[in-house]
């Protein structure tokens, strides 16, 4: 469950950079967004694996 909380934190933290990139054309903000998205991808995969393990443990 704490991985999901971390996922929400990362999404919230990157929100301002998304606005800076799309509305202001700030290239550095775009780089930070891409880095955050890579972290989100990893966290999502970890959460998926954890869910699968818990689901299969009950069988």
Protein backbone atom coordinates (compact mmCIF):
# COMPACT_ATOMS: atom_id res chain seq x y z
CA UNK A 1 0.00 0.00 0.00
CA UNK A 2 2.88 2.37 0.67
CA UNK A 3 4.09 1.94 -2.92
CA UNK A 4 0.74 3.28 -4.08
CA UNK A 5 1.14 6.28 -1.77
CA UNK A 6 4.60 6.88 -3.26
CA UNK A 7 3.08 6.70 -6.74
CA UNK A 8 0.55 9.39 -5.82
CA UNK A 9 3.33 11.56 -4.37
CA UNK A 10 5.38 11.36 -7.57
CA UNK A 11 2.36 12.26 -9.71
CA UNK A 12 1.54 15.23 -7.49
CA UNK A 13 5.16 16.41 -7.45
CA UNK A 14 5.51 16.41 -11.23
CA UNK A 15 2.28 18.30 -11.89
CA UNK A 16 3.92 21.74 -11.93
CA UNK A 17 6.60 20.56 -14.33
CA UNK A 18 3.93 19.22 -16.69
CA UNK A 19 2.31 22.65 -16.75
CA UNK A 20 5.67 24.37 -17.27
CA UNK A 21 6.43 22.10 -20.22
CA UNK A 22 3.07 22.20 -21.97
CA UNK A 23 2.09 25.79 -21.24
CA UNK A 24 5.48 27.45 -21.10
CA UNK A 25 7.57 25.30 -23.41
CA UNK A 26 10.21 24.75 -20.72
CA UNK A 27 12.46 21.96 -22.04
CA UNK A 28 14.10 21.27 -18.67
CA UNK A 29 10.65 20.70 -17.17
CA UNK A 30 9.99 18.17 -19.94
CA UNK A 31 13.13 16.28 -18.95
CA UNK A 32 11.99 16.21 -15.34
CA UNK A 33 8.56 14.94 -16.42
CA UNK A 34 10.14 12.14 -18.45
CA UNK A 35 12.28 11.14 -15.45
CA UNK A 36 9.23 11.12 -13.18
CA UNK A 37 7.27 9.05 -15.70
CA UNK A 38 10.07 6.48 -15.70
CA UNK A 39 9.82 6.30 -11.91
CA UNK A 40 6.03 5.96 -12.17
CA UNK A 41 6.45 3.12 -14.64
CA UNK A 42 8.72 1.26 -12.22
CA UNK A 43 6.42 1.82 -9.26
CA UNK A 44 3.41 0.67 -11.28
CA UNK A 45 5.23 -2.53 -12.23
CA UNK A 46 6.16 -3.18 -8.60
CA UNK A 47 2.55 -2.67 -7.54
CA UNK A 48 1.32 -5.02 -10.27
CA UNK A 49 3.77 -7.70 -9.16
CA UNK A 50 2.76 -7.30 -5.52
CA UNK A 51 -0.93 -7.58 -6.40
CA UNK A 52 -0.34 -10.69 -8.48
CA UNK A 53 1.62 -12.31 -5.66
CA UNK A 54 -1.10 -11.58 -3.12
CA UNK A 55 -3.81 -12.76 -5.48
CA UNK A 56 -2.02 -16.03 -6.24
CA UNK A 57 -1.13 -16.65 -2.59
CA UNK A 58 -4.82 -17.18 -1.86
CA UNK A 59 -5.13 -20.02 -4.37
